[in-house]
Amino acid sequence: MDLIEENYPMTYKEFEQRVVELFLEPYGDDVMDEMKSRVDDMLNEKPQCFLELEYGAACFRYDSPHIYGDNCRKCFDDDYLKQTAVANLRMIIG
């Protein structure tokens, strides 16, 4: 990560962990292992993991109130993560 993570409410690892937690929330025990496996496969993709790109986009929005308005500071909140990173993850993983 080329970003200086201390400038943001979450580090990349915290962001990754929270997005994965929010993603797995609605799944029951019967499919949990399968979904965790899919997430692990996605996190190991190279050259760049999807969540690293989502984190970079969130950091850009956080730094850009002149573009996104004052609400840009909420881009690390759970509600916003569910609408962006988690929703995109659902489209990719299922």
N, C-alpha and C. Protein backbone atom coordinates (compact mmCIF):
# COMPACT_ATOMS: atom_id res chain seq x y z
N MET A 1 0.84 -1.17 0.00
CA MET A 1 0.00 0.00 0.00
C MET A 1 0.89 1.24 0.00
N ASP A 2 0.69 2.10 -0.96
CA ASP A 2 1.48 3.32 -1.05
C ASP A 2 0.91 4.45 -0.20
N LEU A 3 -0.30 4.28 0.28
CA LEU A 3 -0.94 5.33 1.09
C LEU A 3 -0.33 5.38 2.48
N ILE A 4 -0.34 6.54 3.07
CA ILE A 4 0.09 6.67 4.46
C ILE A 4 -1.14 6.38 5.32
N GLU A 5 -1.25 5.16 5.79
CA GLU A 5 -2.47 4.67 6.42
C GLU A 5 -2.84 5.43 7.69
N GLU A 6 -1.89 6.04 8.35
CA GLU A 6 -2.20 6.75 9.60
C GLU A 6 -3.05 7.99 9.35
N ASN A 7 -3.20 8.41 8.09
CA ASN A 7 -4.03 9.57 7.76
C ASN A 7 -5.52 9.23 7.68
N TYR A 8 -5.87 7.97 7.86
CA TYR A 8 -7.24 7.52 7.65
C TYR A 8 -7.77 6.82 8.90
N PRO A 9 -9.10 6.75 9.03
CA PRO A 9 -9.70 6.13 10.22
C PRO A 9 -9.36 4.65 10.38
N MET A 10 -9.02 3.98 9.28
CA MET A 10 -8.68 2.55 9.32
C MET A 10 -7.42 2.30 8.51
N THR A 11 -6.63 1.35 8.97
CA THR A 11 -5.53 0.85 8.14
C THR A 11 -6.13 -0.10 7.12
N TYR A 12 -5.32 -0.51 6.14
CA TYR A 12 -5.84 -1.46 5.16
C TYR A 12 -6.29 -2.75 5.84
N LYS A 13 -5.52 -3.27 6.77
CA LYS A 13 -5.87 -4.53 7.44
C LYS A 13 -7.18 -4.41 8.21
N GLU A 14 -7.39 -3.28 8.88
CA GLU A 14 -8.65 -3.06 9.59
C GLU A 14 -9.82 -2.97 8.61
N PHE A 15 -9.59 -2.29 7.50
CA PHE A 15 -10.60 -2.17 6.45
C PHE A 15 -10.96 -3.55 5.91
N GLU A 16 -9.94 -4.32 5.57
CA GLU A 16 -10.15 -5.67 5.05
C GLU A 16 -10.95 -6.51 6.04
N GLN A 17 -10.54 -6.50 7.28
CA GLN A 17 -11.20 -7.30 8.31
C GLN A 17 -12.66 -6.88 8.46
N ARG A 18 -12.93 -5.59 8.48
CA ARG A 18 -14.31 -5.12 8.69
C ARG A 18 -15.19 -5.43 7.49
N VAL A 19 -14.68 -5.26 6.29
CA VAL A 19 -15.45 -5.58 5.09
C VAL A 19 -15.78 -7.07 5.05
N VAL A 20 -14.81 -7.91 5.37
CA VAL A 20 -15.06 -9.36 5.39
C VAL A 20 -16.09 -9.72 6.45
N GLU A 21 -15.99 -9.11 7.64
CA GLU A 21 -16.98 -9.36 8.69
C GLU A 21 -18.38 -8.98 8.23
N LEU A 22 -18.50 -7.80 7.62
CA LEU A 22 -19.81 -7.34 7.15
C LEU A 22 -20.33 -8.22 6.01
N PHE A 23 -19.42 -8.69 5.17
CA PHE A 23 -19.80 -9.57 4.07
C PHE A 23 -20.34 -10.90 4.59
N LEU A 24 -19.69 -11.46 5.61
CA LEU A 24 -20.08 -12.78 6.12
C LEU A 24 -21.28 -12.74 7.06
N GLU A 25 -21.65 -11.56 7.55
CA GLU A 25 -22.73 -11.41 8.53
C GLU A 25 -24.01 -12.19 8.21
N PRO A 26 -24.56 -12.07 7.00
CA PRO A 26 -25.86 -12.70 6.75
C PRO A 26 -25.82 -14.21 6.48
N TYR A 27 -24.65 -14.78 6.33
CA TYR A 27 -24.56 -16.19 5.96
C TYR A 27 -24.69 -17.09 7.17
N GLY A 28 -25.40 -18.18 6.98
CA GLY A 28 -25.57 -19.16 8.04
C GLY A 28 -24.41 -20.14 8.09
N ASP A 29 -24.42 -20.97 9.12
CA ASP A 29 -23.35 -21.95 9.31
C ASP A 29 -23.24 -22.93 8.15
N ASP A 30 -24.35 -23.20 7.46
CA ASP A 30 -24.33 -24.19 6.39
C ASP A 30 -23.48 -23.79 5.19
N VAL A 31 -23.29 -22.49 4.96
CA VAL A 31 -22.47 -22.03 3.83
C VAL A 31 -21.26 -21.20 4.26
N MET A 32 -21.08 -21.03 5.56
CA MET A 32 -20.01 -20.15 6.06
C MET A 32 -18.63 -20.60 5.58
N ASP A 33 -18.32 -21.88 5.65
CA ASP A 33 -17.00 -22.36 5.22
C ASP A 33 -16.76 -22.07 3.74
N GLU A 34 -17.77 -22.28 2.92
CA GLU A 34 -17.64 -22.02 1.48
C GLU A 34 -17.40 -20.53 1.23
N MET A 35 -18.12 -19.67 1.92
CA MET A 35 -17.97 -18.23 1.71
C MET A 35 -16.60 -17.75 2.21
N LYS A 36 -16.15 -18.28 3.35
CA LYS A 36 -14.82 -17.92 3.85
C LYS A 36 -13.75 -18.35 2.85
N SER A 37 -13.92 -19.51 2.26
CA SER A 37 -12.97 -20.01 1.27
C SER A 37 -12.94 -19.09 0.04
N ARG A 38 -14.11 -18.65 -0.41
CA ARG A 38 -14.17 -17.73 -1.56
C ARG A 38 -13.49 -16.41 -1.24
N VAL A 39 -13.72 -15.90 -0.04
CA VAL A 39 -13.08 -14.64 0.36
C VAL A 39 -11.56 -14.82 0.42
N ASP A 40 -11.10 -15.92 1.02
CA ASP A 40 -9.66 -16.17 1.10
C ASP A 40 -9.03 -16.25 -0.29
N ASP A 41 -9.71 -16.92 -1.22
CA ASP A 41 -9.20 -17.01 -2.60
C ASP A 41 -9.08 -15.61 -3.22
N MET A 42 -10.09 -14.78 -3.01
CA MET A 42 -10.06 -13.43 -3.56
C MET A 42 -8.94 -12.60 -2.94
N LEU A 43 -8.74 -12.75 -1.62
CA LEU A 43 -7.70 -11.96 -0.94
C LEU A 43 -6.30 -12.37 -1.39
N ASN A 44 -6.15 -13.58 -1.89
CA ASN A 44 -4.84 -14.05 -2.34
C ASN A 44 -4.57 -13.78 -3.82
N GLU A 45 -5.53 -13.19 -4.51
CA GLU A 45 -5.34 -12.88 -5.92
C GLU A 45 -4.25 -11.83 -6.09
N LYS A 46 -3.51 -11.97 -7.12
CA LYS A 46 -2.49 -10.99 -7.46
C LYS A 46 -2.65 -10.67 -8.93
N PRO A 47 -2.26 -9.56 -9.45
CA PRO A 47 -1.32 -8.62 -8.87
C PRO A 47 -1.90 -7.75 -7.78
N GLN A 48 -3.21 -7.54 -7.75
CA GLN A 48 -3.74 -6.70 -6.68
C GLN A 48 -5.12 -7.20 -6.28
N CYS A 49 -5.32 -7.29 -5.00
CA CYS A 49 -6.58 -7.75 -4.44
C CYS A 49 -7.65 -6.67 -4.64
N PHE A 50 -8.86 -7.11 -4.90
CA PHE A 50 -10.00 -6.21 -5.06
C PHE A 50 -10.14 -5.27 -3.86
N LEU A 51 -9.97 -5.77 -2.64
CA LEU A 51 -10.15 -4.93 -1.45
C LEU A 51 -9.07 -3.87 -1.33
N GLU A 52 -7.88 -4.11 -1.84
CA GLU A 52 -6.86 -3.06 -1.84
C GLU A 52 -7.30 -1.89 -2.72
N LEU A 53 -7.94 -2.21 -3.83
CA LEU A 53 -8.45 -1.16 -4.71
C LEU A 53 -9.60 -0.41 -4.05
N GLU A 54 -10.47 -1.14 -3.36
CA GLU A 54 -11.59 -0.50 -2.63
C GLU A 54 -11.06 0.42 -1.53
N TYR A 55 -10.01 -0.03 -0.83
CA TYR A 55 -9.42 0.80 0.23
C TYR A 55 -8.84 2.08 -0.37
N GLY A 56 -8.14 1.96 -1.47
CA GLY A 56 -7.58 3.13 -2.14
C GLY A 56 -8.67 4.11 -2.56
N ALA A 57 -9.78 3.59 -3.07
CA ALA A 57 -10.90 4.45 -3.47
C ALA A 57 -11.52 5.13 -2.26
N ALA A 58 -11.66 4.41 -1.15
CA ALA A 58 -12.21 5.00 0.08
C ALA A 58 -11.29 6.11 0.59
N CYS A 59 -10.00 5.89 0.53
CA CYS A 59 -9.04 6.91 0.96
C CYS A 59 -9.12 8.15 0.07
N PHE A 60 -9.26 7.94 -1.23
CA PHE A 60 -9.40 9.06 -2.15
C PHE A 60 -10.66 9.86 -1.82
N ARG A 61 -11.79 9.16 -1.61
CA ARG A 61 -13.03 9.86 -1.25
C ARG A 61 -12.86 10.62 0.07
N TYR A 62 -12.21 9.99 1.03
CA TYR A 62 -12.00 10.61 2.35
C TYR A 62 -11.23 11.92 2.22
N ASP A 63 -10.28 11.95 1.31
CA ASP A 63 -9.43 13.13 1.09
C ASP A 63 -10.03 14.16 0.15
N SER A 64 -11.26 13.92 -0.35
CA SER A 64 -11.80 14.77 -1.41
C SER A 64 -13.14 15.40 -1.08
N PRO A 65 -13.24 16.17 0.00
CA PRO A 65 -14.52 16.83 0.29
C PRO A 65 -14.91 17.84 -0.79
N HIS A 66 -13.93 18.34 -1.52
CA HIS A 66 -14.22 19.28 -2.60
C HIS A 66 -14.96 18.61 -3.76
N ILE A 67 -14.89 17.30 -3.84
CA ILE A 67 -15.60 16.55 -4.87
C ILE A 67 -16.86 15.90 -4.29
N TYR A 68 -16.73 15.25 -3.13
CA TYR A 68 -17.79 14.42 -2.58
C TYR A 68 -18.58 15.09 -1.46
N GLY A 69 -18.20 16.27 -1.04
CA GLY A 69 -18.90 16.95 0.04
C GLY A 69 -18.45 16.47 1.40
N ASP A 70 -19.08 17.01 2.42
CA ASP A 70 -18.68 16.69 3.80
C ASP A 70 -18.94 15.24 4.19
N ASN A 71 -19.86 14.57 3.51
CA ASN A 71 -20.14 13.17 3.83
C ASN A 71 -19.00 12.23 3.45
N CYS A 72 -18.01 12.74 2.73
CA CYS A 72 -16.89 11.89 2.33
C CYS A 72 -16.16 11.34 3.56
N ARG A 73 -16.27 12.00 4.69
CA ARG A 73 -15.61 11.54 5.91
C ARG A 73 -16.28 10.31 6.50
N LYS A 74 -17.44 9.94 5.96
CA LYS A 74 -18.17 8.77 6.45
C LYS A 74 -17.86 7.51 5.66
N CYS A 75 -16.92 7.57 4.73
CA CYS A 75 -16.71 6.44 3.82
C CYS A 75 -16.08 5.22 4.51
N PHE A 76 -15.71 5.33 5.77
CA PHE A 76 -15.22 4.16 6.50
C PHE A 76 -16.25 3.64 7.52
N ASP A 77 -17.43 4.26 7.53
CA ASP A 77 -18.51 3.81 8.41
C ASP A 77 -19.12 2.52 7.87
N ASP A 78 -19.69 1.71 8.76
CA ASP A 78 -20.28 0.42 8.37
C ASP A 78 -21.34 0.58 7.29
N ASP A 79 -22.23 1.56 7.44
CA ASP A 79 -23.30 1.73 6.45
C ASP A 79 -22.72 1.99 5.07
N TYR A 80 -21.71 2.82 4.99
CA TYR A 80 -21.10 3.12 3.70
C TYR A 80 -20.33 1.90 3.16
N LEU A 81 -19.63 1.20 4.03
CA LEU A 81 -18.91 0.00 3.59
C LEU A 81 -19.87 -1.03 3.03
N LYS A 82 -21.05 -1.17 3.64
CA LYS A 82 -22.04 -2.13 3.14
C LYS A 82 -22.54 -1.73 1.76
N GLN A 83 -22.64 -0.44 1.50
CA GLN A 83 -23.15 0.04 0.22
C GLN A 83 -22.10 0.01 -0.88
N THR A 84 -20.84 -0.02 -0.51
CA THR A 84 -19.80 0.03 -1.54
C THR A 84 -19.00 -1.27 -1.56
N ALA A 85 -18.03 -1.39 -0.71
CA ALA A 85 -17.10 -2.52 -0.74
C ALA A 85 -17.82 -3.87 -0.55
N VAL A 86 -18.73 -3.95 0.41
CA VAL A 86 -19.43 -5.21 0.66
C VAL A 86 -20.35 -5.56 -0.51
N ALA A 87 -21.08 -4.57 -1.02
CA ALA A 87 -21.96 -4.82 -2.16
C ALA A 87 -21.17 -5.27 -3.38
N ASN A 88 -20.04 -4.64 -3.63
CA ASN A 88 -19.19 -5.04 -4.76
C ASN A 88 -18.62 -6.43 -4.55
N LEU A 89 -18.26 -6.74 -3.33
CA LEU A 89 -17.75 -8.07 -3.00
C LEU A 89 -18.81 -9.12 -3.24
N ARG A 90 -20.05 -8.82 -2.91
CA ARG A 90 -21.15 -9.77 -3.17
C ARG A 90 -21.32 -10.03 -4.65
N MET A 91 -21.16 -8.99 -5.47
CA MET A 91 -21.27 -9.19 -6.92
C MET A 91 -20.15 -10.07 -7.45
N ILE A 92 -18.97 -9.94 -6.87
CA ILE A 92 -17.83 -10.71 -7.35
C ILE A 92 -17.86 -12.15 -6.85
N ILE A 93 -18.13 -12.32 -5.56
CA ILE A 93 -18.04 -13.64 -4.93
C ILE A 93 -19.36 -14.39 -4.99
N GLY A 94 -20.44 -13.69 -4.78
CA GLY A 94 -21.76 -14.36 -4.80
C GLY A 94 -22.44 -14.32 -3.48
